[in-house]
Amino acid sequence: MREKPVGAEERVTIRTDADIVQARQRARELATGLGFSSTDLVLITTAISELARNILLYARNGEIVAPTIQNGEKNGVLLVASDKGPGIPNIEQAMQAGYSTSGNLGLGLPGVRRLMDDMEIESRVGEGTKVTARKWKR
């Protein structure tokens, strides 16, 4: 059974560093409402920072959507980061720690994968990227 959106949803357009702060705050409030631990709140907000920073760096603008989700008895938060940027030509390579096309540390996407319970990437060169990640309340 796949999760279904339930209850609240936060949606933030990412165009500036201030939008990253807003996305972090709104998702933190959402996750706090679900009763996530302080440790998991840090993991969720860090993942949002990484995803939003990638949007700014590679696509210049995009969106972070964070609905609450449920799968049976489990409750969680879904993070969906999407843009209409250049896309990722080699997702497998982009998921390797240390790989970066921007000269940064290359920890963004691999870091999100480690912080969240699961993650998927859909990307088409010249069309954009969509990263979906889930964190379940324990």
C-alpha atoms as a PDB file:
ATOM      1  CA  MET A   1       0.000   0.000   0.000  1.00  0.00           C
ATOM      2  CA  ARG A   2       1.334   3.409  -0.994  1.00  0.00           C
ATOM      3  CA  GLU A   3       1.065   6.397   1.308  1.00  0.00           C
ATOM      4  CA  LYS A   4      -1.718   8.890   0.915  1.00  0.00           C
ATOM      5  CA  PRO A   5      -1.649  12.602   1.663  1.00  0.00           C
ATOM      6  CA  VAL A   6      -3.604  13.483   4.803  1.00  0.00           C
ATOM      7  CA  GLY A   7      -4.217  16.757   6.562  1.00  0.00           C
ATOM      8  CA  ALA A   8      -1.883  19.674   6.154  1.00  0.00           C
ATOM      9  CA  GLU A   9       0.451  20.565   3.298  1.00  0.00           C
ATOM     10  CA  GLU A  10       3.110  23.237   3.050  1.00  0.00           C
ATOM     11  CA  ARG A  11       4.122  24.659  -0.349  1.00  0.00           C
ATOM     12  CA  VAL A  12       6.966  27.152  -0.825  1.00  0.00           C
ATOM     13  CA  THR A  13       8.281  28.587  -4.083  1.00  0.00           C
ATOM     14  CA  ILE A  14      12.085  28.648  -3.984  1.00  0.00           C
ATOM     15  CA  ARG A  15      13.690  31.715  -5.594  1.00  0.00           C
ATOM     16  CA  THR A  16      15.934  33.140  -2.844  1.00  0.00           C
ATOM     17  CA  ASP A  17      17.817  32.113   0.287  1.00  0.00           C
ATOM     18  CA  ALA A  18      14.931  33.555   2.322  1.00  0.00           C
ATOM     19  CA  ASP A  19      12.611  31.033   0.674  1.00  0.00           C
ATOM     20  CA  ILE A  20      14.843  28.211   1.952  1.00  0.00           C
ATOM     21  CA  VAL A  21      14.435  29.535   5.497  1.00  0.00           C
ATOM     22  CA  GLN A  22      10.669  29.754   5.025  1.00  0.00           C
ATOM     23  CA  ALA A  23      10.469  26.180   3.643  1.00  0.00           C
ATOM     24  CA  ARG A  24      12.474  24.880   6.606  1.00  0.00           C
ATOM     25  CA  GLN A  25      10.286  26.703   9.148  1.00  0.00           C
ATOM     26  CA  ARG A  26       6.998  25.628   7.610  1.00  0.00           C
ATOM     27  CA  ALA A  27       8.012  21.975   7.267  1.00  0.00           C
ATOM     28  CA  ARG A  28       9.351  21.995  10.818  1.00  0.00           C
ATOM     29  CA  GLU A  29       5.985  23.260  12.097  1.00  0.00           C
ATOM     30  CA  LEU A  30       4.205  20.576  10.076  1.00  0.00           C
ATOM     31  CA  ALA A  31       6.464  17.792  11.410  1.00  0.00           C
ATOM     32  CA  THR A  32       6.229  19.152  14.954  1.00  0.00           C
ATOM     33  CA  GLY A  33       2.450  18.882  14.680  1.00  0.00           C
ATOM     34  CA  LEU A  34       2.835  15.194  13.851  1.00  0.00           C
ATOM     35  CA  GLY A  35       4.967  14.661  16.938  1.00  0.00           C
ATOM     36  CA  PHE A  36       8.358  14.037  15.305  1.00  0.00           C
ATOM     37  CA  SER A  37      11.314  13.926  17.692  1.00  0.00           C
ATOM     38  CA  SER A  38      13.695  16.884  17.827  1.00  0.00           C
ATOM     39  CA  THR A  39      16.329  14.718  16.114  1.00  0.00           C
ATOM     40  CA  ASP A  40      14.001  13.894  13.220  1.00  0.00           C
ATOM     41  CA  LEU A  41      13.010  17.565  12.943  1.00  0.00           C
ATOM     42  CA  VAL A  42      16.677  18.407  12.360  1.00  0.00           C
ATOM     43  CA  LEU A  43      16.960  15.672   9.729  1.00  0.00           C
ATOM     44  CA  ILE A  44      13.851  16.875   7.880  1.00  0.00           C
ATOM     45  CA  THR A  45      14.859  20.545   7.896  1.00  0.00           C
ATOM     46  CA  THR A  46      18.406  19.686   6.809  1.00  0.00           C
ATOM     47  CA  ALA A  47      17.039  17.645   3.901  1.00  0.00           C
ATOM     48  CA  ILE A  48      14.865  20.596   2.868  1.00  0.00           C
ATOM     49  CA  SER A  49      17.898  22.882   2.993  1.00  0.00           C
ATOM     50  CA  GLU A  50      19.841  20.564   0.693  1.00  0.00           C
ATOM     51  CA  LEU A  51      16.977  20.146  -1.771  1.00  0.00           C
ATOM     52  CA  ALA A  52      16.146  23.858  -1.861  1.00  0.00           C
ATOM     53  CA  ARG A  53      19.813  24.827  -2.213  1.00  0.00           C
ATOM     54  CA  ASN A  54      20.063  22.507  -5.234  1.00  0.00           C
ATOM     55  CA  ILE A  55      17.024  24.203  -6.759  1.00  0.00           C
ATOM     56  CA  LEU A  56      18.651  27.636  -6.403  1.00  0.00           C
ATOM     57  CA  LEU A  57      22.056  26.450  -7.554  1.00  0.00           C
ATOM     58  CA  TYR A  58      21.046  24.485 -10.624  1.00  0.00           C
ATOM     59  CA  ALA A  59      17.579  25.666 -11.682  1.00  0.00           C
ATOM     60  CA  ARG A  60      17.350  29.168 -10.131  1.00  0.00           C
ATOM     61  CA  ASN A  61      13.766  28.507  -9.002  1.00  0.00           C
ATOM     62  CA  GLY A  62      11.385  25.716  -8.200  1.00  0.00           C
ATOM     63  CA  GLU A  63       9.121  24.507  -5.442  1.00  0.00           C
ATOM     64  CA  ILE A  64       9.146  22.472  -2.244  1.00  0.00           C
ATOM     65  CA  VAL A  65       5.884  20.776  -1.292  1.00  0.00           C
ATOM     66  CA  ALA A  66       5.599  19.010   2.066  1.00  0.00           C
ATOM     67  CA  PRO A  67       2.317  17.229   2.798  1.00  0.00           C
ATOM     68  CA  THR A  68       1.679  14.984   5.763  1.00  0.00           C
ATOM     69  CA  ILE A  69       1.250  11.371   4.674  1.00  0.00           C
ATOM     70  CA  GLN A  70      -0.100   8.125   6.062  1.00  0.00           C
ATOM     71  CA  ASN A  71       0.511   4.485   5.215  1.00  0.00           C
ATOM     72  CA  GLY A  72      -1.588   2.217   7.377  1.00  0.00           C
ATOM     73  CA  GLU A  73      -0.747   3.153  10.954  1.00  0.00           C
ATOM     74  CA  LYS A  74       2.384   5.122   9.999  1.00  0.00           C
ATOM     75  CA  ASN A  75       2.359   8.915   9.743  1.00  0.00           C
ATOM     76  CA  GLY A  76       5.043  10.962   8.091  1.00  0.00           C
ATOM     77  CA  VAL A  77       6.139  13.869   5.970  1.00  0.00           C
ATOM     78  CA  LEU A  78       6.697  13.777   2.231  1.00  0.00           C
ATOM     79  CA  LEU A  79       9.166  16.237   0.698  1.00  0.00           C
ATOM     80  CA  VAL A  80       8.801  16.946  -3.014  1.00  0.00           C
ATOM     81  CA  ALA A  81      11.355  19.294  -4.563  1.00  0.00           C
ATOM     82  CA  SER A  82      10.726  20.112  -8.214  1.00  0.00           C
ATOM     83  CA  ASP A  83      12.156  22.459 -10.790  1.00  0.00           C
ATOM     84  CA  LYS A  84      12.244  23.066 -14.526  1.00  0.00           C
ATOM     85  CA  GLY A  85      16.024  23.380 -14.614  1.00  0.00           C
ATOM     86  CA  PRO A  86      18.659  21.621 -16.703  1.00  0.00           C
ATOM     87  CA  GLY A  87      17.967  18.167 -15.266  1.00  0.00           C
ATOM     88  CA  ILE A  88      20.491  15.601 -14.069  1.00  0.00           C
ATOM     89  CA  PRO A  89      22.229  13.755 -16.918  1.00  0.00           C
ATOM     90  CA  ASN A  90      23.524  10.916 -14.723  1.00  0.00           C
ATOM     91  CA  ILE A  91      21.523  10.311 -11.530  1.00  0.00           C
ATOM     92  CA  GLU A  92      23.737   7.425 -10.418  1.00  0.00           C
ATOM     93  CA  GLN A  93      26.803   9.660 -10.589  1.00  0.00           C
ATOM     94  CA  ALA A  94      24.981  12.542  -8.861  1.00  0.00           C
ATOM     95  CA  MET A  95      24.186  10.200  -5.961  1.00  0.00           C
ATOM     96  CA  GLN A  96      27.860   9.504  -5.277  1.00  0.00           C
ATOM     97  CA  ALA A  97      29.167  11.371  -2.235  1.00  0.00           C
ATOM     98  CA  GLY A  98      31.740  13.916  -3.336  1.00  0.00           C
ATOM     99  CA  TYR A  99      30.480  14.274  -6.925  1.00  0.00           C
ATOM    100  CA  SER A 100      29.582  17.848  -7.807  1.00  0.00           C
ATOM    101  CA  THR A 101      29.201  19.831 -11.008  1.00  0.00           C
ATOM    102  CA  SER A 102      29.159  23.102  -9.078  1.00  0.00           C
ATOM    103  CA  GLY A 103      32.458  22.808  -7.221  1.00  0.00           C
ATOM    104  CA  ASN A 104      30.718  22.190  -3.878  1.00  0.00           C
ATOM    105  CA  LEU A 105      31.296  19.216  -1.581  1.00  0.00           C
ATOM    106  CA  GLY A 106      28.814  17.010  -3.444  1.00  0.00           C
ATOM    107  CA  LEU A 107      26.888  16.032  -0.320  1.00  0.00           C
ATOM    108  CA  GLY A 108      23.409  17.339  -1.258  1.00  0.00           C
ATOM    109  CA  LEU A 109      21.520  14.444  -2.837  1.00  0.00           C
ATOM    110  CA  PRO A 110      23.496  11.660  -1.123  1.00  0.00           C
ATOM    111  CA  GLY A 111      22.964  13.522   2.152  1.00  0.00           C
ATOM    112  CA  VAL A 112      19.208  13.717   1.616  1.00  0.00           C
ATOM    113  CA  ARG A 113      19.154   9.976   0.931  1.00  0.00           C
ATOM    114  CA  ARG A 114      20.902   9.342   4.277  1.00  0.00           C
ATOM    115  CA  LEU A 115      18.722  11.786   6.247  1.00  0.00           C
ATOM    116  CA  MET A 116      15.359  10.541   5.036  1.00  0.00           C
ATOM    117  CA  ASP A 117      13.797   7.064   5.124  1.00  0.00           C
ATOM    118  CA  ASP A 118      13.624   6.800   1.338  1.00  0.00           C
ATOM    119  CA  MET A 119      14.122   8.942  -1.737  1.00  0.00           C
ATOM    120  CA  GLU A 120      13.437   8.849  -5.472  1.00  0.00           C
ATOM    121  CA  ILE A 121      14.700  11.099  -8.257  1.00  0.00           C
ATOM    122  CA  GLU A 122      13.030  11.719 -11.597  1.00  0.00           C
ATOM    123  CA  SER A 123      14.953  13.911 -14.001  1.00  0.00           C
ATOM    124  CA  ARG A 124      14.978  14.714 -17.705  1.00  0.00           C
ATOM    125  CA  VAL A 125      17.801  16.698 -19.221  1.00  0.00           C
ATOM    126  CA  GLY A 126      16.472  20.056 -20.394  1.00  0.00           C
ATOM    127  CA  GLU A 127      13.139  19.582 -18.601  1.00  0.00           C
ATOM    128  CA  GLY A 128      13.837  19.511 -14.870  1.00  0.00           C
ATOM    129  CA  THR A 129      14.085  17.368 -11.775  1.00  0.00           C
ATOM    130  CA  LYS A 130      11.732  16.061  -9.117  1.00  0.00           C
ATOM    131  CA  VAL A 131      13.089  14.618  -5.870  1.00  0.00           C
ATOM    132  CA  THR A 132      10.659  12.856  -3.547  1.00  0.00           C
ATOM    133  CA  ALA A 133      11.701  11.862  -0.022  1.00  0.00           C
ATOM    134  CA  ARG A 134       9.810  10.472   2.972  1.00  0.00           C
ATOM    135  CA  LYS A 135      10.356  10.533   6.714  1.00  0.00           C
ATOM    136  CA  TRP A 136       8.152   8.347   8.887  1.00  0.00           C
ATOM    137  CA  LYS A 137       7.415   9.107  12.521  1.00  0.00           C
ATOM    138  CA  ARG A 138       8.877   6.420  14.771  1.00  0.00           C
END
